[in-house]
C-alpha atoms as a PDB file:
ATOM      1  CA  MET A   1      24.620   9.166 -15.956  1.00  0.00           C
ATOM      2  CA  PRO A   2      24.679   6.342 -13.832  1.00  0.00           C
ATOM      3  CA  ARG A   3      25.299   2.470 -15.185  1.00  0.00           C
ATOM      4  CA  THR A   4      23.055   0.935 -12.773  1.00  0.00           C
ATOM      5  CA  VAL A   5      20.714   2.000  -9.971  1.00  0.00           C
ATOM      6  CA  LEU A   6      18.757  -0.070  -7.094  1.00  0.00           C
ATOM      7  CA  ILE A   7      15.504   1.207  -5.730  1.00  0.00           C
ATOM      8  CA  THR A   8      14.202  -0.390  -2.560  1.00  0.00           C
ATOM      9  CA  ALA A   9      10.890   0.603  -1.756  1.00  0.00           C
ATOM     10  CA  PRO A  10       8.679  -0.377   1.321  1.00  0.00           C
ATOM     11  CA  SER A  11       5.531  -2.112   1.347  1.00  0.00           C
ATOM     12  CA  ARG A  12       1.986  -0.883   1.837  1.00  0.00           C
ATOM     13  CA  LEU A  13      -0.666  -1.140   4.073  1.00  0.00           C
ATOM     14  CA  HIS A  14      -4.011   0.204   3.649  1.00  0.00           C
ATOM     15  CA  PHE A  15      -6.612   0.956   5.786  1.00  0.00           C
ATOM     16  CA  GLY A  16      -9.500   1.476   3.846  1.00  0.00           C
ATOM     17  CA  LEU A  17     -11.231   4.246   1.640  1.00  0.00           C
ATOM     18  CA  TRP A  18     -13.605   6.603   2.933  1.00  0.00           C
ATOM     19  CA  SER A  19     -15.903   7.307  -0.167  1.00  0.00           C
ATOM     20  CA  LEU A  20     -16.853   5.547  -3.362  1.00  0.00           C
ATOM     21  CA  ALA A  21     -16.982   6.788  -6.856  1.00  0.00           C
ATOM     22  CA  SER A  22     -20.434   9.400  -6.709  1.00  0.00           C
ATOM     23  CA  GLY A  23     -19.696  11.465  -9.671  1.00  0.00           C
ATOM     24  CA  ARG A  24     -19.154  14.673  -7.603  1.00  0.00           C
ATOM     25  CA  GLY A  25     -17.255  15.844  -4.817  1.00  0.00           C
ATOM     26  CA  ARG A  26     -13.650  13.550  -3.772  1.00  0.00           C
ATOM     27  CA  GLN A  27     -13.660   9.996  -4.429  1.00  0.00           C
ATOM     28  CA  PHE A  28     -12.121   7.654  -2.394  1.00  0.00           C
ATOM     29  CA  GLY A  29      -9.684   9.063  -0.098  1.00  0.00           C
ATOM     30  CA  GLY A  30      -8.154   7.547   2.863  1.00  0.00           C
ATOM     31  CA  VAL A  31      -5.460   6.131   5.089  1.00  0.00           C
ATOM     32  CA  GLY A  32      -2.665   3.566   5.063  1.00  0.00           C
ATOM     33  CA  ALA A  33       1.166   3.245   6.101  1.00  0.00           C
ATOM     34  CA  MET A  34       4.248   2.202   4.513  1.00  0.00           C
ATOM     35  CA  ILE A  35       6.135  -0.861   6.701  1.00  0.00           C
ATOM     36  CA  ASP A  36       9.649  -2.239   5.614  1.00  0.00           C
ATOM     37  CA  ARG A  37       8.595  -5.742   4.947  1.00  0.00           C
ATOM     38  CA  PRO A  38       8.247  -7.684   2.805  1.00  0.00           C
ATOM     39  CA  GLY A  39       9.531  -4.989   0.476  1.00  0.00           C
ATOM     40  CA  LEU A  40      10.472  -4.764  -2.832  1.00  0.00           C
ATOM     41  CA  VAL A  41      14.069  -4.615  -4.283  1.00  0.00           C
ATOM     42  CA  VAL A  42      14.506  -3.816  -8.308  1.00  0.00           C
ATOM     43  CA  ARG A  43      17.785  -3.268 -10.261  1.00  0.00           C
ATOM     44  CA  LEU A  44      18.063  -1.302 -13.640  1.00  0.00           C
ATOM     45  CA  GLU A  45      21.424  -1.200 -15.702  1.00  0.00           C
ATOM     46  CA  GLN A  46      21.830   0.357 -18.825  1.00  0.00           C
ATOM     47  CA  ALA A  47      21.268  -1.752 -21.806  1.00  0.00           C
ATOM     48  CA  SER A  48      21.265  -1.965 -25.648  1.00  0.00           C
ATOM     49  CA  GLU A  49      17.243  -3.181 -25.367  1.00  0.00           C
ATOM     50  CA  LEU A  50      14.641  -3.520 -22.986  1.00  0.00           C
ATOM     51  CA  SER A  51      14.116  -6.548 -20.785  1.00  0.00           C
ATOM     52  CA  ALA A  52      13.182  -7.317 -17.660  1.00  0.00           C
ATOM     53  CA  ALA A  53      13.777 -10.458 -15.383  1.00  0.00           C
ATOM     54  CA  GLY A  54      12.547 -12.046 -12.101  1.00  0.00           C
ATOM     55  CA  PRO A  55       9.656 -12.025 -10.375  1.00  0.00           C
ATOM     56  CA  LEU A  56       6.766  -9.693 -11.925  1.00  0.00           C
ATOM     57  CA  ALA A  57       8.961  -9.298 -14.879  1.00  0.00           C
ATOM     58  CA  ILE A  58       5.893  -8.768 -17.171  1.00  0.00           C
ATOM     59  CA  ARG A  59       4.740  -5.891 -15.454  1.00  0.00           C
ATOM     60  CA  ALA A  60       7.708  -4.356 -14.790  1.00  0.00           C
ATOM     61  CA  ALA A  61       8.469  -4.179 -18.410  1.00  0.00           C
ATOM     62  CA  GLU A  62       5.301  -2.676 -18.958  1.00  0.00           C
ATOM     63  CA  PHE A  63       5.570  -0.473 -16.382  1.00  0.00           C
ATOM     64  CA  ALA A  64       8.660   0.652 -18.330  1.00  0.00           C
ATOM     65  CA  ARG A  65       7.176   0.651 -22.004  1.00  0.00           C
ATOM     66  CA  ARG A  66       5.230   3.142 -20.327  1.00  0.00           C
ATOM     67  CA  TRP A  67       7.367   5.736 -18.894  1.00  0.00           C
ATOM     68  CA  LEU A  68       9.564   5.602 -22.052  1.00  0.00           C
ATOM     69  CA  ALA A  69       6.099   6.579 -24.092  1.00  0.00           C
ATOM     70  CA  PHE A  70       5.679   9.147 -21.382  1.00  0.00           C
ATOM     71  CA  HIS A  71       8.810  10.417 -21.789  1.00  0.00           C
ATOM     72  CA  GLU A  72       9.393   9.533 -25.736  1.00  0.00           C
ATOM     73  CA  ARG A  73       9.617  13.509 -26.298  1.00  0.00           C
ATOM     74  CA  LEU A  74      12.654  14.021 -23.624  1.00  0.00           C
ATOM     75  CA  PRO A  75      16.282  13.517 -25.444  1.00  0.00           C
ATOM     76  CA  GLU A  76      17.363  11.818 -22.162  1.00  0.00           C
ATOM     77  CA  ALA A  77      14.714   9.299 -22.166  1.00  0.00           C
ATOM     78  CA  ALA A  78      14.170   9.063 -26.313  1.00  0.00           C
ATOM     79  CA  THR A  79      17.184   6.599 -26.218  1.00  0.00           C
ATOM     80  CA  LEU A  80      16.921   4.992 -23.182  1.00  0.00           C
ATOM     81  CA  ARG A  81      16.739   0.940 -22.626  1.00  0.00           C
ATOM     82  CA  ALA A  82      17.584  -0.822 -19.707  1.00  0.00           C
ATOM     83  CA  ARG A  83      17.633  -4.111 -18.257  1.00  0.00           C
ATOM     84  CA  ILE A  84      15.389  -4.414 -15.183  1.00  0.00           C
ATOM     85  CA  THR A  85      15.564  -7.158 -12.693  1.00  0.00           C
ATOM     86  CA  VAL A  86      13.475  -7.257  -9.815  1.00  0.00           C
ATOM     87  CA  GLU A  87      15.017  -9.026  -7.194  1.00  0.00           C
ATOM     88  CA  ARG A  88      12.691  -9.186  -4.664  1.00  0.00           C
ATOM     89  CA  ALA A  89       8.907  -8.764  -4.754  1.00  0.00           C
ATOM     90  CA  PRO A  90       5.673  -9.308  -2.053  1.00  0.00           C
ATOM     91  CA  PRO A  91       3.227 -11.244  -3.142  1.00  0.00           C
ATOM     92  CA  GLU A  92       1.019  -9.269  -5.596  1.00  0.00           C
ATOM     93  CA  HIS A  93      -3.247  -8.808  -5.219  1.00  0.00           C
ATOM     94  CA  ALA A  94      -2.257  -9.137  -1.269  1.00  0.00           C
ATOM     95  CA  GLY A  95      -3.240  -5.865   0.091  1.00  0.00           C
ATOM     96  CA  LEU A  96       0.709  -4.807   0.142  1.00  0.00           C
ATOM     97  CA  GLY A  97       0.531  -2.660  -2.621  1.00  0.00           C
ATOM     98  CA  THR A  98       2.921  -4.256  -4.523  1.00  0.00           C
ATOM     99  CA  GLY A  99       1.733  -2.988  -8.022  1.00  0.00           C
ATOM    100  CA  THR A 100       2.008   0.596  -7.166  1.00  0.00           C
ATOM    101  CA  GLN A 101       5.590   0.109  -5.407  1.00  0.00           C
ATOM    102  CA  LEU A 102       6.842  -2.027  -8.691  1.00  0.00           C
ATOM    103  CA  GLY A 103       5.425   1.031 -10.840  1.00  0.00           C
ATOM    104  CA  LEU A 104       6.942   4.021  -8.938  1.00  0.00           C
ATOM    105  CA  ALA A 105      10.656   1.981  -8.505  1.00  0.00           C
ATOM    106  CA  VAL A 106      10.604   1.236 -12.292  1.00  0.00           C
ATOM    107  CA  ALA A 107       9.632   5.031 -13.054  1.00  0.00           C
ATOM    108  CA  ALA A 108      12.074   6.183 -10.388  1.00  0.00           C
ATOM    109  CA  GLY A 109      15.028   4.089 -11.761  1.00  0.00           C
ATOM    110  CA  LEU A 110      14.729   4.974 -15.499  1.00  0.00           C
ATOM    111  CA  GLY A 111      14.792   8.646 -14.500  1.00  0.00           C
ATOM    112  CA  ALA A 112      17.978   8.036 -12.211  1.00  0.00           C
ATOM    113  CA  LEU A 113      19.400   6.217 -15.331  1.00  0.00           C
ATOM    114  CA  ALA A 114      18.260   9.006 -17.924  1.00  0.00           C
ATOM    115  CA  GLY A 115      20.065  11.597 -15.392  1.00  0.00           C
ATOM    116  CA  LEU A 116      16.537  13.271 -14.978  1.00  0.00           C
ATOM    117  CA  PRO A 117      15.696  15.017 -11.651  1.00  0.00           C
ATOM    118  CA  ARG A 118      13.968  13.313  -9.069  1.00  0.00           C
ATOM    119  CA  ALA A 119      10.162  13.660 -10.040  1.00  0.00           C
ATOM    120  CA  SER A 120       7.499  14.072  -7.761  1.00  0.00           C
ATOM    121  CA  PRO A 121       5.001  11.182  -6.310  1.00  0.00           C
ATOM    122  CA  GLN A 122       2.438  13.071  -8.841  1.00  0.00           C
ATOM    123  CA  GLU A 123       5.089  12.437 -11.748  1.00  0.00           C
ATOM    124  CA  LEU A 124       5.927   9.103 -10.819  1.00  0.00           C
ATOM    125  CA  ALA A 125       1.957   7.490 -10.669  1.00  0.00           C
ATOM    126  CA  ILE A 126       1.443   9.573 -13.873  1.00  0.00           C
ATOM    127  CA  ALA A 127       4.243   8.219 -15.905  1.00  0.00           C
ATOM    128  CA  VAL A 128       2.822   4.680 -15.094  1.00  0.00           C
ATOM    129  CA  GLY A 129      -0.606   4.973 -14.824  1.00  0.00           C
ATOM    130  CA  ARG A 130      -0.843   4.163 -10.999  1.00  0.00           C
ATOM    131  CA  GLY A 131      -3.013   6.306  -8.360  1.00  0.00           C
ATOM    132  CA  LEU A 132      -5.961   5.897 -10.299  1.00  0.00           C
ATOM    133  CA  ARG A 133      -7.991   5.639  -6.789  1.00  0.00           C
ATOM    134  CA  SER A 134      -5.978   5.820  -3.463  1.00  0.00           C
ATOM    135  CA  ALA A 135      -2.605   7.945  -3.503  1.00  0.00           C
ATOM    136  CA  VAL A 136      -1.733   6.399  -0.062  1.00  0.00           C
ATOM    137  CA  GLY A 137       0.832   4.210  -1.933  1.00  0.00           C
ATOM    138  CA  THR A 138       2.013   6.771  -4.024  1.00  0.00           C
ATOM    139  CA  TYR A 139       2.910   9.352  -1.249  1.00  0.00           C
ATOM    140  CA  GLY A 140       4.127   6.803   1.045  1.00  0.00           C
ATOM    141  CA  PHE A 141       6.981   5.399  -1.742  1.00  0.00           C
ATOM    142  CA  VAL A 142       8.336   8.670  -1.740  1.00  0.00           C
ATOM    143  CA  GLN A 143       7.656   9.952   1.982  1.00  0.00           C
ATOM    144  CA  GLY A 144       7.105   6.827   4.016  1.00  0.00           C
ATOM    145  CA  GLY A 145       5.307   7.385   7.089  1.00  0.00           C
ATOM    146  CA  LEU A 146       1.474   7.076   7.991  1.00  0.00           C
ATOM    147  CA  VAL A 147      -0.300   8.883   4.951  1.00  0.00           C
ATOM    148  CA  VAL A 148      -3.356  10.123   4.341  1.00  0.00           C
ATOM    149  CA  ASP A 149      -4.868  11.310   0.970  1.00  0.00           C
ATOM    150  CA  GLN A 150      -7.807  13.537   0.378  1.00  0.00           C
ATOM    151  CA  GLY A 151      -9.532  11.856  -2.277  1.00  0.00           C
ATOM    152  CA  LYS A 152      -9.563  12.878  -5.975  1.00  0.00           C
ATOM    153  CA  LEU A 153     -11.638  15.227  -7.560  1.00  0.00           C
ATOM    154  CA  PRO A 154     -13.514  13.740 -11.047  1.00  0.00           C
ATOM    155  CA  GLY A 155     -10.862  14.440 -13.369  1.00  0.00           C
ATOM    156  CA  GLU A 156      -8.258  15.009 -11.214  1.00  0.00           C
ATOM    157  CA  PRO A 157      -4.878  12.770 -11.889  1.00  0.00           C
ATOM    158  CA  ILE A 158      -3.936  11.900  -8.234  1.00  0.00           C
ATOM    159  CA  ALA A 159      -5.639  12.778  -4.906  1.00  0.00           C
ATOM    160  CA  PRO A 160      -3.911  15.532  -3.139  1.00  0.00           C
ATOM    161  CA  LEU A 161      -1.887  14.582   0.153  1.00  0.00           C
ATOM    162  CA  ASP A 162      -3.884  15.597   2.984  1.00  0.00           C
ATOM    163  CA  CYS A 163      -0.948  15.208   5.929  1.00  0.00           C
ATOM    164  CA  ARG A 164       1.743  12.309   6.782  1.00  0.00           C
ATOM    165  CA  ILE A 165       3.733  12.044   9.862  1.00  0.00           C
ATOM    166  CA  ASP A 166       6.103   9.193  11.229  1.00  0.00           C
ATOM    167  CA  LEU A 167       4.775   6.373  13.176  1.00  0.00           C
ATOM    168  CA  PRO A 168       6.333   5.002  16.047  1.00  0.00           C
ATOM    169  CA  ALA A 169       9.787   3.271  15.388  1.00  0.00           C
ATOM    170  CA  GLN A 170       9.059   0.911  18.253  1.00  0.00           C
ATOM    171  CA  TRP A 171       5.672  -0.642  17.274  1.00  0.00           C
ATOM    172  CA  ARG A 172       5.665  -3.714  14.818  1.00  0.00           C
ATOM    173  CA  LEU A 173       2.690  -5.023  12.549  1.00  0.00           C
ATOM    174  CA  VAL A 174       2.228  -8.558  12.607  1.00  0.00           C
ATOM    175  CA  LEU A 175       1.081  -9.635   8.607  1.00  0.00           C
ATOM    176  CA  VAL A 176      -1.401 -12.428   8.683  1.00  0.00           C
ATOM    177  CA  ARG A 177      -1.695 -14.100   5.291  1.00  0.00           C
ATOM    178  CA  PRO A 178      -4.047 -16.887   4.310  1.00  0.00           C
ATOM    179  CA  THR A 179      -2.071 -18.830   1.914  1.00  0.00           C
ATOM    180  CA  GLY A 180      -4.286 -19.526  -1.305  1.00  0.00           C
ATOM    181  CA  LEU A 181      -6.382 -16.262  -0.816  1.00  0.00           C
ATOM    182  CA  ALA A 182      -5.952 -13.375  -2.760  1.00  0.00           C
ATOM    183  CA  GLY A 183      -7.669 -10.065  -3.102  1.00  0.00           C
ATOM    184  CA  LEU A 184      -9.143  -8.505  -6.121  1.00  0.00           C
ATOM    185  CA  SER A 185      -7.389  -6.220  -8.653  1.00  0.00           C
ATOM    186  CA  GLY A 186      -7.249  -4.953 -11.901  1.00  0.00           C
ATOM    187  CA  ASP A 187     -11.169  -4.915 -13.927  1.00  0.00           C
ATOM    188  CA  ASP A 188     -12.430  -7.264 -11.124  1.00  0.00           C
ATOM    189  CA  GLU A 189     -11.582  -4.791  -8.675  1.00  0.00           C
ATOM    190  CA  MET A 190     -12.952  -1.367 -11.005  1.00  0.00           C
ATOM    191  CA  ALA A 191     -16.091  -3.795 -11.782  1.00  0.00           C
ATOM    192  CA  ALA A 192     -16.721  -4.266  -7.784  1.00  0.00           C
ATOM    193  CA  ILE A 193     -16.446  -0.604  -6.786  1.00  0.00           C
ATOM    194  CA  ALA A 194     -18.848   0.045  -9.907  1.00  0.00           C
ATOM    195  CA  ASP A 195     -21.354  -1.927  -8.038  1.00  0.00           C
ATOM    196  CA  LEU A 196     -21.258  -1.021  -4.537  1.00  0.00           C
ATOM    197  CA  PRO A 197     -23.599   1.676  -3.573  1.00  0.00           C
ATOM    198  CA  ALA A 198     -22.280   5.103  -2.603  1.00  0.00           C
ATOM    199  CA  VAL A 199     -21.100   5.633   0.989  1.00  0.00           C
ATOM    200  CA  PRO A 200     -23.582   7.646   2.872  1.00  0.00           C
ATOM    201  CA  PRO A 201     -22.213  11.100   3.169  1.00  0.00           C
ATOM    202  CA  GLU A 202     -22.486  11.103   7.368  1.00  0.00           C
ATOM    203  CA  VAL A 203     -20.277   7.642   7.431  1.00  0.00           C
ATOM    204  CA  THR A 204     -17.629   8.912   5.299  1.00  0.00           C
ATOM    205  CA  GLU A 205     -17.809  11.765   7.708  1.00  0.00           C
ATOM    206  CA  ARG A 206     -17.198   9.639  10.327  1.00  0.00           C
ATOM    207  CA  LEU A 207     -14.287   8.311   8.986  1.00  0.00           C
ATOM    208  CA  ILE A 208     -12.646  11.620   8.351  1.00  0.00           C
ATOM    209  CA  GLY A 209     -13.058  12.410  12.178  1.00  0.00           C
ATOM    210  CA  LEU A 210     -11.968   9.400  13.129  1.00  0.00           C
ATOM    211  CA  VAL A 211      -8.466  10.296  11.125  1.00  0.00           C
ATOM    212  CA  ARG A 212      -8.084  13.706  11.910  1.00  0.00           C
ATOM    213  CA  GLU A 213      -9.179  13.635  15.562  1.00  0.00           C
ATOM    214  CA  ARG A 214      -7.917  10.563  16.743  1.00  0.00           C
ATOM    215  CA  LEU A 215      -5.516   8.225  14.707  1.00  0.00           C
ATOM    216  CA  VAL A 216      -3.225  10.708  13.438  1.00  0.00           C
ATOM    217  CA  PRO A 217      -3.204  12.494  17.030  1.00  0.00           C
ATOM    218  CA  ALA A 218      -2.660   8.907  18.827  1.00  0.00           C
ATOM    219  CA  ALA A 219       0.224   8.401  16.239  1.00  0.00           C
ATOM    220  CA  ALA A 220       1.852  12.036  16.439  1.00  0.00           C
ATOM    221  CA  LEU A 221       1.755  11.314  20.608  1.00  0.00           C
ATOM    222  CA  ALA A 222       2.943   7.718  20.019  1.00  0.00           C
ATOM    223  CA  ASP A 223      -0.407   6.980  22.482  1.00  0.00           C
ATOM    224  CA  PHE A 224      -0.492   3.243  21.593  1.00  0.00           C
ATOM    225  CA  ALA A 225      -4.113   2.135  23.014  1.00  0.00           C
ATOM    226  CA  PRO A 226      -5.890   5.181  21.602  1.00  0.00           C
ATOM    227  CA  PHE A 227      -4.062   4.428  18.166  1.00  0.00           C
ATOM    228  CA  SER A 228      -5.293   0.477  17.905  1.00  0.00           C
ATOM    229  CA  GLU A 229      -8.943   1.219  19.023  1.00  0.00           C
ATOM    230  CA  SER A 230      -8.953   3.985  16.214  1.00  0.00           C
ATOM    231  CA  LEU A 231      -7.414   2.071  13.566  1.00  0.00           C
ATOM    232  CA  PHE A 232      -9.651  -0.906  14.621  1.00  0.00           C
ATOM    233  CA  GLU A 233     -12.808   0.937  14.477  1.00  0.00           C
ATOM    234  CA  TYR A 234     -11.947   2.664  11.303  1.00  0.00           C
ATOM    235  CA  GLY A 235     -11.063  -0.608   9.802  1.00  0.00           C
ATOM    236  CA  ARG A 236     -14.344  -1.632  10.513  1.00  0.00           C
ATOM    237  CA  THR A 237     -16.389   0.656   9.768  1.00  0.00           C
ATOM    238  CA  ALA A 238     -14.670   1.250   6.065  1.00  0.00           C
ATOM    239  CA  GLY A 239     -14.859  -2.307   5.382  1.00  0.00           C
ATOM    240  CA  GLN A 240     -18.587  -2.033   6.355  1.00  0.00           C
ATOM    241  CA  CYS A 241     -19.054  -0.068   3.009  1.00  0.00           C
ATOM    242  CA  PHE A 242     -17.814  -2.879   0.758  1.00  0.00           C
ATOM    243  CA  ALA A 243     -20.214  -5.522   2.669  1.00  0.00           C
ATOM    244  CA  ALA A 244     -22.106  -5.960  -0.688  1.00  0.00           C
ATOM    245  CA  ARG A 245     -19.121  -7.536  -2.220  1.00  0.00           C
ATOM    246  CA  GLN A 246     -17.349  -8.736   0.956  1.00  0.00           C
ATOM    247  CA  GLY A 247     -19.737 -10.233   3.136  1.00  0.00           C
ATOM    248  CA  GLY A 248     -19.178  -7.761   6.069  1.00  0.00           C
ATOM    249  CA  PRO A 249     -16.350  -5.530   6.546  1.00  0.00           C
ATOM    250  CA  PHE A 250     -13.663  -8.092   6.055  1.00  0.00           C
ATOM    251  CA  ASN A 251     -13.524  -9.873   3.044  1.00  0.00           C
ATOM    252  CA  GLY A 252     -14.932 -13.341   3.565  1.00  0.00           C
ATOM    253  CA  PRO A 253     -15.700 -16.064   6.193  1.00  0.00           C
ATOM    254  CA  VAL A 254     -11.689 -17.304   6.845  1.00  0.00           C
ATOM    255  CA  LEU A 255     -10.459 -13.332   6.969  1.00  0.00           C
ATOM    256  CA  THR A 256     -13.476 -12.631   9.217  1.00  0.00           C
ATOM    257  CA  LYS A 257     -12.841 -15.462  11.607  1.00  0.00           C
ATOM    258  CA  LEU A 258      -9.193 -14.629  11.901  1.00  0.00           C
ATOM    259  CA  VAL A 259      -9.666 -11.132  12.741  1.00  0.00           C
ATOM    260  CA  HIS A 260     -11.962 -12.461  15.694  1.00  0.00           C
ATOM    261  CA  VAL A 261      -8.855 -14.888  16.956  1.00  0.00           C
ATOM    262  CA  LEU A 262      -6.704 -12.068  16.719  1.00  0.00           C
ATOM    263  CA  ARG A 263      -8.478  -9.964  18.533  1.00  0.00           C
ATOM    264  CA  GLU A 264      -9.441 -12.731  21.221  1.00  0.00           C
ATOM    265  CA  LEU A 265      -5.706 -13.406  21.784  1.00  0.00           C
ATOM    266  CA  GLY A 266      -5.205  -9.435  22.661  1.00  0.00           C
ATOM    267  CA  CYS A 267      -4.609  -7.372  20.106  1.00  0.00           C
ATOM    268  CA  ILE A 268      -6.893  -4.185  19.498  1.00  0.00           C
ATOM    269  CA  GLY A 269      -5.531  -3.158  16.627  1.00  0.00           C
ATOM    270  CA  VAL A 270      -6.230  -5.678  13.753  1.00  0.00           C
ATOM    271  CA  GLY A 271      -7.466  -4.639  10.365  1.00  0.00           C
ATOM    272  CA  GLN A 272      -7.380  -6.070   6.447  1.00  0.00           C
ATOM    273  CA  SER A 273      -5.455  -4.011   3.766  1.00  0.00           C
ATOM    274  CA  SER A 274      -7.371  -3.354   1.394  1.00  0.00           C
ATOM    275  CA  TRP A 275      -9.310  -5.986   0.130  1.00  0.00           C
ATOM    276  CA  GLY A 276      -6.764  -8.425   1.673  1.00  0.00           C
ATOM    277  CA  PRO A 277      -6.300 -11.547   2.400  1.00  0.00           C
ATOM    278  CA  THR A 278      -3.490  -9.950   4.299  1.00  0.00           C
ATOM    279  CA  LEU A 279      -4.343  -8.763   8.078  1.00  0.00           C
ATOM    280  CA  TYR A 280      -2.406  -6.620  10.507  1.00  0.00           C
ATOM    281  CA  ALA A 281      -2.442  -6.597  14.196  1.00  0.00           C
ATOM    282  CA  LEU A 282      -0.637  -4.205  15.618  1.00  0.00           C
ATOM    283  CA  GLN A 283       1.638  -4.619  18.402  1.00  0.00           C
ATOM    284  CA  PRO A 284       3.796  -1.851  20.715  1.00  0.00           C
ATOM    285  CA  SER A 285       7.099  -3.344  20.384  1.00  0.00           C
ATOM    286  CA  GLU A 286       9.408  -6.573  18.818  1.00  0.00           C
ATOM    287  CA  THR A 287       9.058  -8.522  21.680  1.00  0.00           C
ATOM    288  CA  ALA A 288       5.620  -8.268  21.432  1.00  0.00           C
ATOM    289  CA  ALA A 289       5.073  -8.951  18.393  1.00  0.00           C
ATOM    290  CA  GLN A 290       7.479 -11.991  19.106  1.00  0.00           C
ATOM    291  CA  SER A 291       5.302 -13.380  21.480  1.00  0.00           C
ATOM    292  CA  PHE A 292       2.060 -12.644  19.761  1.00  0.00           C
ATOM    293  CA  VAL A 293       3.400 -14.854  16.982  1.00  0.00           C
ATOM    294  CA  GLN A 294       4.402 -17.631  19.054  1.00  0.00           C
ATOM    295  CA  ARG A 295       0.540 -17.317  20.127  1.00  0.00           C
ATOM    296  CA  LEU A 296      -0.948 -17.039  17.139  1.00  0.00           C
ATOM    297  CA  SER A 297       0.994 -20.125  15.685  1.00  0.00           C
ATOM    298  CA  ALA A 298       0.243 -22.401  18.761  1.00  0.00           C
ATOM    299  CA  THR A 299      -3.595 -21.487  18.080  1.00  0.00           C
ATOM    300  CA  PRO A 300      -5.618 -24.646  16.952  1.00  0.00           C
ATOM    301  CA  GLY A 301      -7.807 -24.701  13.987  1.00  0.00           C
ATOM    302  CA  LEU A 302      -6.306 -21.667  12.001  1.00  0.00           C
ATOM    303  CA  PRO A 303      -5.296 -22.082   8.247  1.00  0.00           C
ATOM    304  CA  PRO A 304      -2.070 -22.185   7.194  1.00  0.00           C
ATOM    305  CA  LEU A 305      -0.627 -18.446   7.395  1.00  0.00           C
ATOM    306  CA  ALA A 306       2.501 -16.845   6.357  1.00  0.00           C
ATOM    307  CA  LEU A 307       3.108 -14.657   9.118  1.00  0.00           C
ATOM    308  CA  GLU A 308       5.494 -11.818   9.407  1.00  0.00           C
ATOM    309  CA  ILE A 309       6.794  -8.921  11.554  1.00  0.00           C
ATOM    310  CA  ALA A 310       7.214  -5.519  10.120  1.00  0.00           C
ATOM    311  CA  GLN A 311       8.261  -2.493  11.225  1.00  0.00           C
ATOM    312  CA  PRO A 312       6.833   1.565  10.382  1.00  0.00           C
ATOM    313  CA  ALA A 313       8.925   2.539   7.445  1.00  0.00           C
ATOM    314  CA  ASN A 314       9.281   6.412   8.096  1.00  0.00           C
ATOM    315  CA  ARG A 315      11.383   6.979   4.768  1.00  0.00           C
ATOM    316  CA  GLY A 316      10.433   6.363   1.012  1.00  0.00           C
ATOM    317  CA  ALA A 317      12.180   4.289  -0.901  1.00  0.00           C
ATOM    318  CA  THR A 318      15.762   4.450  -1.468  1.00  0.00           C
ATOM    319  CA  ILE A 319      18.029   5.413  -4.778  1.00  0.00           C
ATOM    320  CA  GLN A 320      21.374   4.084  -5.382  1.00  0.00           C
ATOM    321  CA  CYS A 321      23.431   5.333  -8.252  1.00  0.00           C
ATOM    322  CA  GLY A 322      26.526   3.111  -9.358  1.00  0.00           C
END
């Protein structure tokens, strides 16, 4: 068994759900993509007791306790203890899927330390209590790429994977995040979703059609303009289903204004990841992305922004044992 394990995981953008809990049929569903930045790095080492350090250490330790309790009957895991060091982590509650990537990284790392066979995405998520709604980040952790999940039936632990494909490696996503804002998570997110009206079936059908008939085919053909157009249309339509909480298709006046600015600067493929506050602006190349960042930075009247250029992550997390 290895003495140390290093997990490097991508971040996740979620382009929007296509349904909400209705008590029947498949719930949630949706589409998103994995990106190389900001990314997560977690190191696990054999130790005499369980401990965690670094950013998000408390959450990392809780995920470890869940994993150990889930596997307590396995002799390989019964006596396993580890020191977990989170070496790099994106901000929480920013629309980057940080909680899921951290939980699955801890699960994968502990499994590797215990010498267990590599777990499936579903097994990883169930062991640490992730994937309760969207499964985009769960499949993306293992496989990377553009991920579509079917939505989950009542009582089903994880939504099935609908499809997964590579995004063109030359494309870039400019991440635009107003500092000082945070999206919903945890109990607040569950309460917000419970209070929202059900998505009309015709809207769900339209969103699924956009993904299957336009978004995925355009990605497969590396057809930038149609992908950008369908990405914006999908995100705006999906976001409108949350208007009762957000005040519109985007979460509040700051993000709404920023979406308008990004579009005015010539970017078509603009959207909000999950509840935000991270927005994404799709660009066809690194050069175009750098130029876009310069023009955005020079735009007057904007709030303080954290800007980063990410590229598609067409592979999942890497696991290095030593």
